[in-house]
Amino acid sequence: MKTTLLLLILLAGVSGCHRRQYVLDPLETREIIALSRAGKSSDGIIREIERSRTVYVMDSQDVLDLHRAGVDRRVIDHMMMTVERAAGRDAWRLRRRP
């Protein structure tokens, strides 16, 4: 009986573990600028953006500010695409329909 109860407790604990989703803090724009100024590669910054799952909603002024701060164009492009990636693979089709 004790073995069965222990087994049920362990199974209940294990079954919940795989469902937990660990959410990282968002990678803020100021952090991207700091990483860029510190000499981190564009690929490294892009990996950090993907790992953090941050979605950036940027306007033209945000893009100019990042560019003026020395952030690589590939990083800026990747940041702009996070909205479409979050919306799904077919988001671009929905947005461009007349």
C-alpha atoms as a PDB file:
ATOM      1  CA  MET A   1       0.000   0.000   0.000  1.00  0.00           C
ATOM      2  CA  LYS A   2       2.802   2.414   0.904  1.00  0.00           C
ATOM      3  CA  THR A   3       4.581   1.550  -2.338  1.00  0.00           C
ATOM      4  CA  THR A   4       1.449   2.256  -4.380  1.00  0.00           C
ATOM      5  CA  LEU A   5       0.874   5.567  -2.623  1.00  0.00           C
ATOM      6  CA  LEU A   6       4.491   6.596  -3.119  1.00  0.00           C
ATOM      7  CA  LEU A   7       4.300   5.632  -6.791  1.00  0.00           C
ATOM      8  CA  LEU A   8       1.141   7.703  -7.278  1.00  0.00           C
ATOM      9  CA  ILE A   9       2.742  10.720  -5.616  1.00  0.00           C
ATOM     10  CA  LEU A  10       5.832  10.410  -7.801  1.00  0.00           C
ATOM     11  CA  LEU A  11       3.768  10.045 -10.969  1.00  0.00           C
ATOM     12  CA  ALA A  12       1.656  13.066 -10.058  1.00  0.00           C
ATOM     13  CA  GLY A  13       4.802  15.129  -9.514  1.00  0.00           C
ATOM     14  CA  VAL A  14       6.475  13.972 -12.714  1.00  0.00           C
ATOM     15  CA  SER A  15       3.404  14.462 -14.896  1.00  0.00           C
ATOM     16  CA  GLY A  16       3.283  18.153 -14.034  1.00  0.00           C
ATOM     17  CA  CYS A  17       6.972  18.777 -14.709  1.00  0.00           C
ATOM     18  CA  HIS A  18       6.849  18.507 -18.472  1.00  0.00           C
ATOM     19  CA  ARG A  19       4.040  21.047 -18.694  1.00  0.00           C
ATOM     20  CA  ARG A  20       5.864  23.868 -16.979  1.00  0.00           C
ATOM     21  CA  GLN A  21       6.983  26.576 -19.297  1.00  0.00           C
ATOM     22  CA  TYR A  22       9.864  28.662 -18.064  1.00  0.00           C
ATOM     23  CA  VAL A  23       9.544  32.231 -19.233  1.00  0.00           C
ATOM     24  CA  LEU A  24      12.633  34.385 -19.411  1.00  0.00           C
ATOM     25  CA  ASP A  25      12.650  38.099 -18.854  1.00  0.00           C
ATOM     26  CA  PRO A  26      12.189  40.033 -22.086  1.00  0.00           C
ATOM     27  CA  LEU A  27      15.341  41.310 -23.732  1.00  0.00           C
ATOM     28  CA  GLU A  28      14.867  45.058 -23.744  1.00  0.00           C
ATOM     29  CA  THR A  29      16.044  47.364 -26.498  1.00  0.00           C
ATOM     30  CA  ARG A  30      18.554  49.030 -24.182  1.00  0.00           C
ATOM     31  CA  GLU A  31      20.058  45.607 -23.472  1.00  0.00           C
ATOM     32  CA  ILE A  32      20.427  44.927 -27.190  1.00  0.00           C
ATOM     33  CA  ILE A  33      22.218  48.248 -27.596  1.00  0.00           C
ATOM     34  CA  ALA A  34      24.502  47.386 -24.669  1.00  0.00           C
ATOM     35  CA  LEU A  35      25.277  43.936 -26.131  1.00  0.00           C
ATOM     36  CA  SER A  36      26.064  45.512 -29.483  1.00  0.00           C
ATOM     37  CA  ARG A  37      28.352  48.136 -27.947  1.00  0.00           C
ATOM     38  CA  ALA A  38      30.064  45.439 -25.891  1.00  0.00           C
ATOM     39  CA  GLY A  39      31.060  43.730 -29.139  1.00  0.00           C
ATOM     40  CA  LYS A  40      28.711  40.742 -29.064  1.00  0.00           C
ATOM     41  CA  SER A  41      28.221  39.342 -32.555  1.00  0.00           C
ATOM     42  CA  SER A  42      24.979  39.857 -34.454  1.00  0.00           C
ATOM     43  CA  ASP A  43      24.393  36.101 -34.455  1.00  0.00           C
ATOM     44  CA  GLY A  44      24.893  36.036 -30.682  1.00  0.00           C
ATOM     45  CA  ILE A  45      22.405  38.863 -30.141  1.00  0.00           C
ATOM     46  CA  ILE A  46      19.876  37.173 -32.422  1.00  0.00           C
ATOM     47  CA  ARG A  47      20.268  33.940 -30.422  1.00  0.00           C
ATOM     48  CA  GLU A  48      19.595  35.906 -27.226  1.00  0.00           C
ATOM     49  CA  ILE A  49      16.454  37.425 -28.775  1.00  0.00           C
ATOM     50  CA  GLU A  50      15.194  33.994 -29.828  1.00  0.00           C
ATOM     51  CA  ARG A  51      16.009  32.461 -26.462  1.00  0.00           C
ATOM     52  CA  SER A  52      14.134  35.206 -24.617  1.00  0.00           C
ATOM     53  CA  ARG A  53      11.122  34.926 -26.969  1.00  0.00           C
ATOM     54  CA  THR A  54      10.742  38.701 -26.848  1.00  0.00           C
ATOM     55  CA  VAL A  55       8.356  40.265 -29.368  1.00  0.00           C
ATOM     56  CA  TYR A  56       9.235  43.785 -30.492  1.00  0.00           C
ATOM     57  CA  VAL A  57       6.605  46.191 -31.795  1.00  0.00           C
ATOM     58  CA  MET A  58       8.697  48.953 -33.294  1.00  0.00           C
ATOM     59  CA  ASP A  59       7.989  52.108 -35.218  1.00  0.00           C
ATOM     60  CA  SER A  60      10.344  53.962 -37.546  1.00  0.00           C
ATOM     61  CA  GLN A  61      11.809  56.027 -34.693  1.00  0.00           C
ATOM     62  CA  ASP A  62      12.746  52.839 -32.809  1.00  0.00           C
ATOM     63  CA  VAL A  63      14.528  51.525 -35.894  1.00  0.00           C
ATOM     64  CA  LEU A  64      16.413  54.821 -36.332  1.00  0.00           C
ATOM     65  CA  ASP A  65      17.414  54.855 -32.651  1.00  0.00           C
ATOM     66  CA  LEU A  66      18.784  51.315 -32.878  1.00  0.00           C
ATOM     67  CA  HIS A  67      20.648  52.125 -36.096  1.00  0.00           C
ATOM     68  CA  ARG A  68      22.150  55.300 -34.622  1.00  0.00           C
ATOM     69  CA  ALA A  69      23.205  53.322 -31.541  1.00  0.00           C
ATOM     70  CA  GLY A  70      25.237  51.027 -33.804  1.00  0.00           C
ATOM     71  CA  VAL A  71      23.032  47.922 -33.753  1.00  0.00           C
ATOM     72  CA  ASP A  72      23.623  45.786 -36.849  1.00  0.00           C
ATOM     73  CA  ARG A  73      20.919  45.824 -39.524  1.00  0.00           C
ATOM     74  CA  ARG A  74      20.486  42.034 -39.295  1.00  0.00           C
ATOM     75  CA  VAL A  75      19.617  42.354 -35.614  1.00  0.00           C
ATOM     76  CA  ILE A  76      17.146  45.162 -36.320  1.00  0.00           C
ATOM     77  CA  ASP A  77      15.537  43.138 -39.125  1.00  0.00           C
ATOM     78  CA  HIS A  78      15.249  40.135 -36.814  1.00  0.00           C
ATOM     79  CA  MET A  79      13.629  42.292 -34.142  1.00  0.00           C
ATOM     80  CA  MET A  80      11.079  43.624 -36.639  1.00  0.00           C
ATOM     81  CA  MET A  81      10.175  40.072 -37.695  1.00  0.00           C
ATOM     82  CA  THR A  82       9.393  38.913 -34.141  1.00  0.00           C
ATOM     83  CA  VAL A  83       5.803  40.148 -34.433  1.00  0.00           C
ATOM     84  CA  GLU A  84       5.140  38.074 -37.534  1.00  0.00           C
ATOM     85  CA  ARG A  85       6.860  35.048 -36.052  1.00  0.00           C
ATOM     86  CA  ALA A  86       4.720  35.342 -32.927  1.00  0.00           C
ATOM     87  CA  ALA A  87       1.557  35.645 -35.026  1.00  0.00           C
ATOM     88  CA  GLY A  88       2.405  32.560 -37.042  1.00  0.00           C
ATOM     89  CA  ARG A  89       3.999  31.545 -40.286  1.00  0.00           C
ATOM     90  CA  ASP A  90       1.175  32.823 -42.496  1.00  0.00           C
ATOM     91  CA  ALA A  91       0.857  36.251 -40.896  1.00  0.00           C
ATOM     92  CA  TRP A  92       2.573  37.958 -43.840  1.00  0.00           C
ATOM     93  CA  ARG A  93      -0.114  36.679 -46.202  1.00  0.00           C
ATOM     94  CA  LEU A  94      -2.881  38.110 -44.061  1.00  0.00           C
ATOM     95  CA  ARG A  95      -1.185  41.477 -43.739  1.00  0.00           C
ATOM     96  CA  ARG A  96      -0.494  41.982 -47.437  1.00  0.00           C
ATOM     97  CA  ARG A  97      -3.880  41.090 -48.852  1.00  0.00           C
ATOM     98  CA  PRO A  98      -5.672  44.012 -50.552  1.00  0.00           C
END
